């Protein structure tokens, strides 16, 4: 798995674990929502400043976004659609 996909996988895993929508994460990190989706799909080269913003919004260290993925792991599930309270 390449680094962009690793970052995207971890970003999605952390976001879903915290029950945040892409929109809420984008709002907290002051980043465009569509950009969050592209990062999660491994389609964007992310800057250090963006990694820092994601980590801060998720209350984790930047290194968490680089955690190795076990090939047996299943892609994190999506949150239930619809408005969140």
N, C-alpha and C. Protein backbone atom coordinates (compact mmCIF):
# COMPACT_ATOMS: atom_id res chain seq x y z
N UNK A 1 0.86 -1.17 0.00
CA UNK A 1 0.00 0.00 0.00
C UNK A 1 0.90 1.24 0.00
N UNK A 2 0.61 2.21 -0.86
CA UNK A 2 1.43 3.41 -0.91
C UNK A 2 1.06 4.37 0.23
N UNK A 3 1.90 5.36 0.46
CA UNK A 3 1.73 6.28 1.59
C UNK A 3 0.42 7.05 1.51
N UNK A 4 0.03 7.49 0.33
CA UNK A 4 -1.24 8.23 0.21
C UNK A 4 -2.42 7.36 0.63
N UNK A 5 -2.40 6.11 0.21
CA UNK A 5 -3.49 5.20 0.60
C UNK A 5 -3.44 4.89 2.09
N UNK A 6 -2.24 4.77 2.66
CA UNK A 6 -2.09 4.54 4.10
C UNK A 6 -2.67 5.70 4.89
N UNK A 7 -2.34 6.92 4.49
CA UNK A 7 -2.87 8.11 5.16
C UNK A 7 -4.39 8.14 5.04
N UNK A 8 -4.90 7.88 3.85
CA UNK A 8 -6.34 7.89 3.64
C UNK A 8 -7.06 6.85 4.47
N UNK A 9 -6.51 5.66 4.52
CA UNK A 9 -7.08 4.56 5.30
C UNK A 9 -7.16 4.96 6.77
N UNK A 10 -6.04 5.47 7.30
CA UNK A 10 -5.99 5.85 8.70
C UNK A 10 -6.89 7.04 9.00
N UNK A 11 -6.95 7.98 8.09
CA UNK A 11 -7.83 9.14 8.28
C UNK A 11 -9.28 8.67 8.40
N UNK A 12 -9.69 7.81 7.49
CA UNK A 12 -11.06 7.29 7.53
C UNK A 12 -11.31 6.49 8.80
N UNK A 13 -10.37 5.63 9.16
CA UNK A 13 -10.51 4.80 10.37
C UNK A 13 -10.67 5.68 11.62
N UNK A 14 -9.82 6.68 11.76
CA UNK A 14 -9.89 7.56 12.92
C UNK A 14 -11.16 8.40 12.92
N UNK A 15 -11.54 8.87 11.76
CA UNK A 15 -12.75 9.69 11.64
C UNK A 15 -13.99 8.88 12.01
N UNK A 16 -14.10 7.67 11.47
CA UNK A 16 -15.25 6.82 11.75
C UNK A 16 -15.26 6.39 13.22
N UNK A 17 -14.08 6.07 13.78
CA UNK A 17 -13.99 5.69 15.19
C UNK A 17 -14.54 6.79 16.10
N UNK A 18 -14.38 8.03 15.69
CA UNK A 18 -14.84 9.16 16.48
C UNK A 18 -16.27 9.60 16.12
N UNK A 19 -16.85 8.91 15.14
CA UNK A 19 -18.22 9.21 14.75
C UNK A 19 -18.37 10.54 14.01
N UNK A 20 -17.31 10.97 13.33
CA UNK A 20 -17.34 12.23 12.59
C UNK A 20 -17.65 11.99 11.12
N UNK A 21 -18.48 12.83 10.56
CA UNK A 21 -18.71 12.79 9.12
C UNK A 21 -17.53 13.49 8.44
N UNK A 22 -17.40 13.28 7.14
CA UNK A 22 -16.37 14.01 6.40
C UNK A 22 -16.59 15.51 6.52
N UNK A 23 -17.85 15.89 6.49
CA UNK A 23 -18.18 17.31 6.59
C UNK A 23 -17.76 17.90 7.93
N UNK A 24 -18.02 17.19 9.02
CA UNK A 24 -17.64 17.67 10.36
C UNK A 24 -16.12 17.73 10.50
N UNK A 25 -15.42 16.71 10.01
CA UNK A 25 -13.96 16.72 10.06
C UNK A 25 -13.41 17.90 9.27
N UNK A 26 -13.95 18.11 8.09
CA UNK A 26 -13.51 19.23 7.24
C UNK A 26 -13.72 20.56 7.96
N UNK A 27 -14.85 20.69 8.62
CA UNK A 27 -15.16 21.91 9.36
C UNK A 27 -14.16 22.12 10.49
N UNK A 28 -13.91 21.07 11.25
CA UNK A 28 -12.97 21.15 12.37
C UNK A 28 -11.54 21.45 11.90
N UNK A 29 -11.15 20.88 10.77
CA UNK A 29 -9.79 21.06 10.25
C UNK A 29 -9.67 22.28 9.33
N UNK A 30 -10.81 22.93 9.06
CA UNK A 30 -10.86 24.09 8.16
C UNK A 30 -10.33 23.74 6.76
N UNK A 31 -10.86 22.61 6.26
CA UNK A 31 -10.49 22.07 4.95
C UNK A 31 -11.77 21.77 4.18
N UNK A 32 -11.73 21.83 2.88
CA UNK A 32 -12.90 21.53 2.05
C UNK A 32 -13.32 20.07 2.20
N UNK A 33 -14.63 19.83 2.31
CA UNK A 33 -15.13 18.48 2.50
C UNK A 33 -14.76 17.53 1.37
N UNK A 34 -14.82 18.01 0.15
CA UNK A 34 -14.50 17.13 -0.98
C UNK A 34 -13.02 16.73 -0.96
N UNK A 35 -12.18 17.61 -0.41
CA UNK A 35 -10.75 17.30 -0.28
C UNK A 35 -10.57 16.14 0.71
N UNK A 36 -11.33 16.14 1.80
CA UNK A 36 -11.26 15.05 2.78
C UNK A 36 -11.56 13.73 2.10
N UNK A 37 -12.59 13.69 1.28
CA UNK A 37 -12.94 12.47 0.56
C UNK A 37 -11.83 12.00 -0.37
N UNK A 38 -11.21 12.95 -1.07
CA UNK A 38 -10.11 12.57 -1.97
C UNK A 38 -8.91 12.05 -1.20
N UNK A 39 -8.63 12.64 -0.04
CA UNK A 39 -7.53 12.15 0.79
C UNK A 39 -7.84 10.74 1.27
N UNK A 40 -9.06 10.51 1.73
CA UNK A 40 -9.43 9.18 2.21
C UNK A 40 -9.34 8.12 1.11
N UNK A 41 -9.56 8.51 -0.12
CA UNK A 41 -9.44 7.56 -1.24
C UNK A 41 -8.01 7.44 -1.75
N UNK A 42 -7.08 8.18 -1.15
CA UNK A 42 -5.67 8.11 -1.54
C UNK A 42 -5.37 8.82 -2.84
N UNK A 43 -6.17 9.83 -3.18
CA UNK A 43 -6.01 10.53 -4.45
C UNK A 43 -5.30 11.86 -4.34
N UNK A 44 -4.93 12.27 -3.12
CA UNK A 44 -4.30 13.58 -2.92
C UNK A 44 -2.94 13.43 -2.26
N UNK A 45 -2.00 14.29 -2.67
CA UNK A 45 -0.74 14.45 -1.95
C UNK A 45 -0.99 15.49 -0.88
N UNK A 46 -0.90 15.08 0.36
CA UNK A 46 -1.27 15.94 1.48
C UNK A 46 -0.05 16.69 1.99
N UNK A 47 -0.22 17.97 2.29
CA UNK A 47 0.88 18.76 2.85
C UNK A 47 1.01 18.47 4.34
N UNK A 48 2.15 18.85 4.90
CA UNK A 48 2.38 18.68 6.33
C UNK A 48 1.37 19.50 7.12
N UNK A 49 1.06 20.69 6.65
CA UNK A 49 0.08 21.54 7.34
C UNK A 49 -1.30 20.88 7.37
N UNK A 50 -1.68 20.22 6.29
CA UNK A 50 -2.96 19.54 6.24
C UNK A 50 -2.97 18.33 7.17
N UNK A 51 -1.88 17.58 7.19
CA UNK A 51 -1.78 16.44 8.12
C UNK A 51 -1.91 16.92 9.56
N UNK A 52 -1.27 18.03 9.86
CA UNK A 52 -1.34 18.61 11.20
C UNK A 52 -2.77 19.02 11.55
N UNK A 53 -3.48 19.62 10.59
CA UNK A 53 -4.87 20.04 10.81
C UNK A 53 -5.77 18.83 11.05
N UNK A 54 -5.58 17.76 10.26
CA UNK A 54 -6.36 16.54 10.47
C UNK A 54 -6.08 15.96 11.85
N UNK A 55 -4.80 15.85 12.21
CA UNK A 55 -4.41 15.27 13.48
C UNK A 55 -4.99 16.07 14.65
N UNK A 56 -4.93 17.37 14.55
CA UNK A 56 -5.47 18.22 15.61
C UNK A 56 -6.99 18.02 15.73
N UNK A 57 -7.69 18.01 14.62
CA UNK A 57 -9.14 17.83 14.63
C UNK A 57 -9.53 16.46 15.19
N UNK A 58 -8.68 15.46 15.00
CA UNK A 58 -8.95 14.11 15.48
C UNK A 58 -8.34 13.83 16.86
N UNK A 59 -7.60 14.81 17.40
CA UNK A 59 -6.94 14.68 18.71
C UNK A 59 -5.97 13.50 18.75
N UNK A 60 -5.16 13.39 17.69
CA UNK A 60 -4.12 12.35 17.63
C UNK A 60 -2.82 12.99 17.17
N UNK A 61 -1.73 12.27 17.30
CA UNK A 61 -0.47 12.71 16.76
C UNK A 61 -0.44 12.47 15.25
N UNK A 62 0.34 13.26 14.54
CA UNK A 62 0.45 13.10 13.09
C UNK A 62 0.90 11.68 12.73
N UNK A 63 1.73 11.10 13.57
CA UNK A 63 2.25 9.75 13.28
C UNK A 63 1.13 8.71 13.16
N UNK A 64 -0.01 8.94 13.83
CA UNK A 64 -1.16 8.02 13.73
C UNK A 64 -1.64 7.88 12.29
N UNK A 65 -1.48 8.92 11.50
CA UNK A 65 -1.93 8.89 10.11
C UNK A 65 -1.02 8.04 9.22
N UNK A 66 0.15 7.69 9.75
CA UNK A 66 1.12 6.88 8.99
C UNK A 66 1.19 5.44 9.49
N UNK A 67 0.31 5.05 10.42
CA UNK A 67 0.35 3.70 10.99
C UNK A 67 0.22 2.65 9.89
N UNK A 68 1.03 1.61 10.02
CA UNK A 68 1.00 0.51 9.04
C UNK A 68 -0.37 -0.17 9.06
N UNK A 69 -0.81 -0.58 7.90
CA UNK A 69 -2.09 -1.26 7.75
C UNK A 69 -1.84 -2.76 7.63
N UNK A 70 -2.55 -3.53 8.43
CA UNK A 70 -2.48 -4.98 8.32
C UNK A 70 -3.26 -5.38 7.07
N UNK A 71 -2.64 -6.13 6.16
CA UNK A 71 -3.34 -6.52 4.92
C UNK A 71 -4.65 -7.26 5.16
N UNK A 72 -4.82 -7.84 6.35
CA UNK A 72 -6.06 -8.57 6.66
C UNK A 72 -7.17 -7.63 7.12
N UNK A 73 -6.82 -6.39 7.47
CA UNK A 73 -7.84 -5.45 7.95
C UNK A 73 -8.86 -5.14 6.86
N UNK A 74 -10.09 -4.98 7.28
CA UNK A 74 -11.19 -4.62 6.40
C UNK A 74 -11.31 -3.10 6.40
N UNK A 75 -11.60 -2.54 5.24
CA UNK A 75 -11.76 -1.09 5.13
C UNK A 75 -12.79 -0.61 6.14
N UNK A 76 -12.50 0.48 6.87
CA UNK A 76 -13.47 1.00 7.84
C UNK A 76 -14.82 1.29 7.20
N UNK A 77 -15.88 0.89 7.89
CA UNK A 77 -17.24 1.10 7.38
C UNK A 77 -17.60 2.58 7.34
N UNK A 78 -18.53 2.92 6.51
CA UNK A 78 -19.05 4.29 6.46
C UNK A 78 -19.96 4.52 7.65
N UNK A 79 -20.10 5.77 7.99
CA UNK A 79 -21.10 6.12 9.00
C UNK A 79 -22.48 6.02 8.38
N UNK A 80 -23.49 5.85 9.21
CA UNK A 80 -24.86 5.85 8.72
C UNK A 80 -25.15 7.19 8.07
N UNK A 81 -25.81 7.19 6.94
CA UNK A 81 -26.08 8.45 6.24
C UNK A 81 -27.18 9.22 6.97
N UNK A 82 -27.24 10.48 6.65
CA UNK A 82 -28.24 11.35 7.27
C UNK A 82 -27.61 12.32 8.23
N UNK A 83 -28.39 13.23 8.71
CA UNK A 83 -27.90 14.25 9.62
C UNK A 83 -27.46 13.67 10.94
N UNK A 84 -26.34 14.15 11.44
CA UNK A 84 -25.82 13.74 12.74
C UNK A 84 -26.22 14.79 13.77
N UNK A 85 -26.47 14.33 14.99
CA UNK A 85 -26.84 15.28 16.04
C UNK A 85 -25.62 15.89 16.68
